[in-house]
Amino acid sequence: MSTVTKKELIDRIADSTQAKRVIVKRIIQAFLDEVIDELAQDNRLEFRDFGVFETRTRSSRIAQNPKTLERVQVPPKRSVKFKMGRLMREKLSAPAPTQKNP
């Protein structure tokens, strides 16, 4: 498994669309900023066939420090949940391509 960075993604899109890299970078960054802003406002983002992003709030709880056995109050925490859309589910359920090791 390899990691694809935002820079690599921008380069691929710029190459495939023949758009300038600077413009693609601005568009991608604007998109990501909008996604973050909407999730920060507890809005649900739905991209047909891709998936759905939504925030979840975990309630506060009491935990225990395993080293000192001291009880600690853990505050509520917000996180992002992603649910795959149809096309992504179909692509991911297909057999994984084999990678050649050099």
N, C-alpha and C. Protein backbone atom coordinates (compact mmCIF):
# COMPACT_ATOMS: atom_id res chain seq x y z
N MET A 1 0.86 -1.17 0.00
CA MET A 1 0.00 0.00 0.00
C MET A 1 0.90 1.23 0.00
N SER A 2 0.57 2.19 -0.85
CA SER A 2 1.35 3.42 -0.90
C SER A 2 0.49 4.60 -0.48
N THR A 3 1.13 5.68 -0.15
CA THR A 3 0.44 6.90 0.26
C THR A 3 0.46 7.90 -0.88
N VAL A 4 -0.69 8.48 -1.16
CA VAL A 4 -0.80 9.52 -2.18
C VAL A 4 -0.98 10.85 -1.45
N THR A 5 -0.09 11.79 -1.72
CA THR A 5 -0.16 13.10 -1.06
C THR A 5 -1.05 14.04 -1.86
N LYS A 6 -1.41 15.14 -1.23
CA LYS A 6 -2.22 16.15 -1.92
C LYS A 6 -1.48 16.67 -3.14
N LYS A 7 -0.18 16.85 -3.03
CA LYS A 7 0.62 17.33 -4.16
C LYS A 7 0.54 16.37 -5.34
N GLU A 8 0.67 15.07 -5.06
CA GLU A 8 0.58 14.08 -6.13
C GLU A 8 -0.80 14.07 -6.79
N LEU A 9 -1.82 14.21 -5.97
CA LEU A 9 -3.19 14.27 -6.49
C LEU A 9 -3.37 15.49 -7.38
N ILE A 10 -2.86 16.62 -6.95
CA ILE A 10 -2.93 17.86 -7.74
C ILE A 10 -2.21 17.67 -9.06
N ASP A 11 -1.03 17.07 -9.03
CA ASP A 11 -0.26 16.83 -10.26
C ASP A 11 -1.03 15.93 -11.23
N ARG A 12 -1.64 14.87 -10.72
CA ARG A 12 -2.41 13.95 -11.57
C ARG A 12 -3.59 14.66 -12.23
N ILE A 13 -4.33 15.45 -11.44
CA ILE A 13 -5.49 16.15 -11.97
C ILE A 13 -5.06 17.20 -12.99
N ALA A 14 -4.00 17.91 -12.70
CA ALA A 14 -3.49 18.91 -13.64
C ALA A 14 -3.08 18.26 -14.95
N ASP A 15 -2.42 17.11 -14.88
CA ASP A 15 -2.02 16.40 -16.10
C ASP A 15 -3.21 15.90 -16.89
N SER A 16 -4.19 15.33 -16.19
CA SER A 16 -5.33 14.74 -16.91
C SER A 16 -6.29 15.78 -17.48
N THR A 17 -6.33 16.97 -16.88
CA THR A 17 -7.24 18.01 -17.36
C THR A 17 -6.55 19.09 -18.18
N GLN A 18 -5.22 19.01 -18.26
CA GLN A 18 -4.43 20.03 -18.95
C GLN A 18 -4.60 21.42 -18.33
N ALA A 19 -5.02 21.47 -17.07
CA ALA A 19 -5.16 22.75 -16.35
C ALA A 19 -3.85 23.08 -15.67
N LYS A 20 -3.65 24.36 -15.38
CA LYS A 20 -2.42 24.75 -14.69
C LYS A 20 -2.45 24.23 -13.27
N ARG A 21 -1.28 23.78 -12.83
CA ARG A 21 -1.15 23.20 -11.50
C ARG A 21 -1.60 24.17 -10.41
N VAL A 22 -1.28 25.44 -10.56
CA VAL A 22 -1.63 26.45 -9.55
C VAL A 22 -3.15 26.57 -9.41
N ILE A 23 -3.86 26.50 -10.51
CA ILE A 23 -5.32 26.61 -10.48
C ILE A 23 -5.93 25.37 -9.84
N VAL A 24 -5.42 24.20 -10.22
CA VAL A 24 -5.92 22.95 -9.62
C VAL A 24 -5.67 22.96 -8.12
N LYS A 25 -4.50 23.44 -7.70
CA LYS A 25 -4.17 23.49 -6.27
C LYS A 25 -5.15 24.39 -5.52
N ARG A 26 -5.48 25.56 -6.10
CA ARG A 26 -6.44 26.47 -5.46
C ARG A 26 -7.82 25.83 -5.34
N ILE A 27 -8.24 25.14 -6.40
CA ILE A 27 -9.56 24.51 -6.39
C ILE A 27 -9.62 23.40 -5.36
N ILE A 28 -8.62 22.55 -5.34
CA ILE A 28 -8.59 21.45 -4.37
C ILE A 28 -8.57 22.00 -2.94
N GLN A 29 -7.75 23.01 -2.68
CA GLN A 29 -7.67 23.58 -1.34
C GLN A 29 -8.99 24.24 -0.95
N ALA A 30 -9.61 24.94 -1.90
CA ALA A 30 -10.91 25.57 -1.62
C ALA A 30 -11.96 24.50 -1.29
N PHE A 31 -11.93 23.39 -2.02
CA PHE A 31 -12.86 22.29 -1.75
C PHE A 31 -12.64 21.72 -0.35
N LEU A 32 -11.39 21.44 -0.01
CA LEU A 32 -11.10 20.89 1.30
C LEU A 32 -11.46 21.86 2.42
N ASP A 33 -11.22 23.16 2.21
CA ASP A 33 -11.60 24.17 3.21
C ASP A 33 -13.11 24.19 3.42
N GLU A 34 -13.87 24.07 2.32
CA GLU A 34 -15.33 24.05 2.42
C GLU A 34 -15.82 22.82 3.17
N VAL A 35 -15.21 21.68 2.90
CA VAL A 35 -15.59 20.45 3.60
C VAL A 35 -15.35 20.63 5.11
N ILE A 36 -14.19 21.16 5.47
CA ILE A 36 -13.88 21.38 6.89
C ILE A 36 -14.86 22.36 7.52
N ASP A 37 -15.15 23.46 6.83
CA ASP A 37 -16.08 24.47 7.36
C ASP A 37 -17.47 23.88 7.57
N GLU A 38 -17.95 23.10 6.61
CA GLU A 38 -19.28 22.51 6.75
C GLU A 38 -19.34 21.50 7.89
N LEU A 39 -18.31 20.68 8.03
CA LEU A 39 -18.28 19.71 9.12
C LEU A 39 -18.17 20.42 10.47
N ALA A 40 -17.45 21.54 10.51
CA ALA A 40 -17.32 22.31 11.76
C ALA A 40 -18.67 22.87 12.19
N GLN A 41 -19.58 23.09 11.23
CA GLN A 41 -20.92 23.60 11.53
C GLN A 41 -21.91 22.46 11.75
N ASP A 42 -21.41 21.24 11.88
CA ASP A 42 -22.22 20.03 12.07
C ASP A 42 -23.13 19.73 10.89
N ASN A 43 -22.74 20.17 9.70
CA ASN A 43 -23.51 19.85 8.51
C ASN A 43 -23.06 18.51 7.95
N ARG A 44 -23.96 17.85 7.28
CA ARG A 44 -23.70 16.55 6.64
C ARG A 44 -23.36 16.81 5.18
N LEU A 45 -22.29 16.19 4.69
CA LEU A 45 -21.89 16.35 3.29
C LEU A 45 -22.13 15.05 2.55
N GLU A 46 -22.93 15.12 1.50
CA GLU A 46 -23.26 13.93 0.72
C GLU A 46 -22.80 14.11 -0.71
N PHE A 47 -21.94 13.21 -1.16
CA PHE A 47 -21.46 13.20 -2.53
C PHE A 47 -21.96 11.89 -3.15
N ARG A 48 -22.95 11.99 -4.03
CA ARG A 48 -23.58 10.81 -4.62
C ARG A 48 -22.52 9.87 -5.19
N ASP A 49 -22.70 8.60 -4.93
CA ASP A 49 -21.83 7.50 -5.38
C ASP A 49 -20.45 7.50 -4.74
N PHE A 50 -20.04 8.59 -4.09
CA PHE A 50 -18.74 8.64 -3.41
C PHE A 50 -18.91 8.29 -1.95
N GLY A 51 -19.72 9.08 -1.23
CA GLY A 51 -19.93 8.79 0.18
C GLY A 51 -20.49 9.98 0.93
N VAL A 52 -20.65 9.79 2.24
CA VAL A 52 -21.23 10.80 3.11
C VAL A 52 -20.30 11.05 4.29
N PHE A 53 -20.04 12.33 4.56
CA PHE A 53 -19.28 12.73 5.74
C PHE A 53 -20.26 13.34 6.73
N GLU A 54 -20.17 12.96 7.99
CA GLU A 54 -20.98 13.58 9.02
C GLU A 54 -20.23 13.54 10.34
N THR A 55 -20.59 14.48 11.21
CA THR A 55 -19.93 14.52 12.52
C THR A 55 -20.72 13.70 13.53
N ARG A 56 -20.00 13.15 14.45
CA ARG A 56 -20.59 12.41 15.57
C ARG A 56 -19.99 12.97 16.84
N THR A 57 -20.77 12.99 17.89
CA THR A 57 -20.26 13.45 19.19
C THR A 57 -20.29 12.29 20.17
N ARG A 58 -19.11 11.98 20.68
CA ARG A 58 -19.02 10.96 21.72
C ARG A 58 -19.31 11.63 23.05
N SER A 59 -20.13 11.02 23.86
CA SER A 59 -20.47 11.63 25.14
C SER A 59 -19.29 11.57 26.11
N SER A 60 -19.36 12.41 27.13
CA SER A 60 -18.29 12.41 28.13
C SER A 60 -18.35 11.10 28.90
N ARG A 61 -17.22 10.72 29.44
CA ARG A 61 -17.16 9.46 30.17
C ARG A 61 -16.07 9.54 31.23
N ILE A 62 -16.07 8.56 32.09
CA ILE A 62 -15.01 8.47 33.09
C ILE A 62 -14.09 7.34 32.68
N ALA A 63 -12.81 7.64 32.57
CA ALA A 63 -11.80 6.65 32.21
C ALA A 63 -10.85 6.46 33.38
N GLN A 64 -9.97 5.51 33.23
CA GLN A 64 -9.03 5.23 34.31
C GLN A 64 -7.62 5.19 33.74
N ASN A 65 -6.73 5.93 34.39
CA ASN A 65 -5.31 5.91 34.01
C ASN A 65 -4.76 4.54 34.41
N PRO A 66 -4.29 3.73 33.45
CA PRO A 66 -3.85 2.38 33.81
C PRO A 66 -2.61 2.34 34.70
N LYS A 67 -1.81 3.41 34.66
CA LYS A 67 -0.59 3.42 35.45
C LYS A 67 -0.87 3.78 36.91
N THR A 68 -1.68 4.83 37.12
CA THR A 68 -1.94 5.30 38.49
C THR A 68 -3.28 4.82 39.03
N LEU A 69 -4.12 4.25 38.17
CA LEU A 69 -5.48 3.82 38.50
C LEU A 69 -6.38 4.98 38.92
N GLU A 70 -5.94 6.19 38.61
CA GLU A 70 -6.72 7.38 38.93
C GLU A 70 -7.86 7.51 37.92
N ARG A 71 -9.04 7.86 38.40
CA ARG A 71 -10.19 8.07 37.52
C ARG A 71 -10.10 9.49 36.94
N VAL A 72 -10.39 9.58 35.63
CA VAL A 72 -10.27 10.85 34.93
C VAL A 72 -11.54 11.09 34.13
N GLN A 73 -12.03 12.32 34.17
CA GLN A 73 -13.20 12.69 33.37
C GLN A 73 -12.73 13.02 31.95
N VAL A 74 -13.28 12.32 30.97
CA VAL A 74 -12.95 12.57 29.56
C VAL A 74 -14.10 13.38 28.97
N PRO A 75 -13.79 14.57 28.43
CA PRO A 75 -14.86 15.44 27.90
C PRO A 75 -15.47 14.87 26.62
N PRO A 76 -16.63 15.40 26.22
CA PRO A 76 -17.22 14.96 24.95
C PRO A 76 -16.28 15.28 23.80
N LYS A 77 -16.36 14.48 22.74
CA LYS A 77 -15.43 14.64 21.63
C LYS A 77 -16.19 14.50 20.32
N ARG A 78 -15.89 15.42 19.38
CA ARG A 78 -16.49 15.34 18.05
C ARG A 78 -15.53 14.65 17.10
N SER A 79 -16.08 13.82 16.24
CA SER A 79 -15.26 13.15 15.24
C SER A 79 -16.05 13.10 13.93
N VAL A 80 -15.37 12.73 12.86
CA VAL A 80 -16.01 12.66 11.56
C VAL A 80 -16.20 11.20 11.18
N LYS A 81 -17.39 10.88 10.72
CA LYS A 81 -17.70 9.54 10.26
C LYS A 81 -17.86 9.60 8.75
N PHE A 82 -17.34 8.60 8.05
CA PHE A 82 -17.49 8.52 6.60
C PHE A 82 -18.17 7.22 6.25
N LYS A 83 -19.19 7.32 5.40
CA LYS A 83 -19.88 6.13 4.92
C LYS A 83 -19.70 6.07 3.41
N MET A 84 -19.20 4.95 2.90
CA MET A 84 -18.93 4.80 1.47
C MET A 84 -20.21 4.87 0.64
N GLY A 85 -20.05 5.44 -0.54
CA GLY A 85 -21.13 5.45 -1.51
C GLY A 85 -21.05 4.22 -2.40
N ARG A 86 -22.02 4.10 -3.31
CA ARG A 86 -22.15 2.91 -4.15
C ARG A 86 -20.91 2.63 -5.00
N LEU A 87 -20.42 3.61 -5.75
CA LEU A 87 -19.28 3.37 -6.63
C LEU A 87 -18.03 2.98 -5.85
N MET A 88 -17.80 3.65 -4.72
CA MET A 88 -16.62 3.32 -3.91
C MET A 88 -16.75 1.91 -3.35
N ARG A 89 -17.93 1.56 -2.88
CA ARG A 89 -18.15 0.22 -2.33
C ARG A 89 -17.88 -0.85 -3.40
N GLU A 90 -18.36 -0.59 -4.63
CA GLU A 90 -18.14 -1.55 -5.71
C GLU A 90 -16.66 -1.68 -6.05
N LYS A 91 -15.95 -0.55 -6.12
CA LYS A 91 -14.51 -0.59 -6.45
C LYS A 91 -13.71 -1.30 -5.36
N LEU A 92 -14.08 -1.04 -4.10
CA LEU A 92 -13.33 -1.64 -3.00
C LEU A 92 -13.67 -3.11 -2.78
N SER A 93 -14.82 -3.54 -3.25
CA SER A 93 -15.17 -4.96 -3.09
C SER A 93 -14.58 -5.81 -4.20
N ALA A 94 -14.10 -5.17 -5.26
CA ALA A 94 -13.43 -5.91 -6.34
C ALA A 94 -12.08 -6.38 -5.83
N PRO A 95 -11.53 -7.45 -6.41
CA PRO A 95 -10.22 -7.94 -5.97
C PRO A 95 -9.15 -6.85 -6.11
N ALA A 96 -8.29 -6.75 -5.13
CA ALA A 96 -7.22 -5.75 -5.13
C ALA A 96 -6.20 -6.09 -6.20
N PRO A 97 -5.70 -5.06 -6.92
CA PRO A 97 -4.67 -5.33 -7.92
C PRO A 97 -3.38 -5.77 -7.24
N THR A 98 -2.67 -6.69 -7.85
CA THR A 98 -1.41 -7.14 -7.27
C THR A 98 -0.32 -6.13 -7.60
N GLN A 99 0.53 -5.85 -6.62
CA GLN A 99 1.61 -4.90 -6.80
C GLN A 99 2.91 -5.66 -7.01
N LYS A 100 3.69 -5.18 -7.96
CA LYS A 100 4.99 -5.79 -8.23
C LYS A 100 6.03 -5.13 -7.34
N ASN A 101 6.79 -5.93 -6.64
CA ASN A 101 7.87 -5.40 -5.80
C ASN A 101 9.16 -5.41 -6.62
N PRO A 102 9.89 -4.27 -6.65
CA PRO A 102 11.12 -4.22 -7.43
C PRO A 102 12.23 -5.08 -6.87
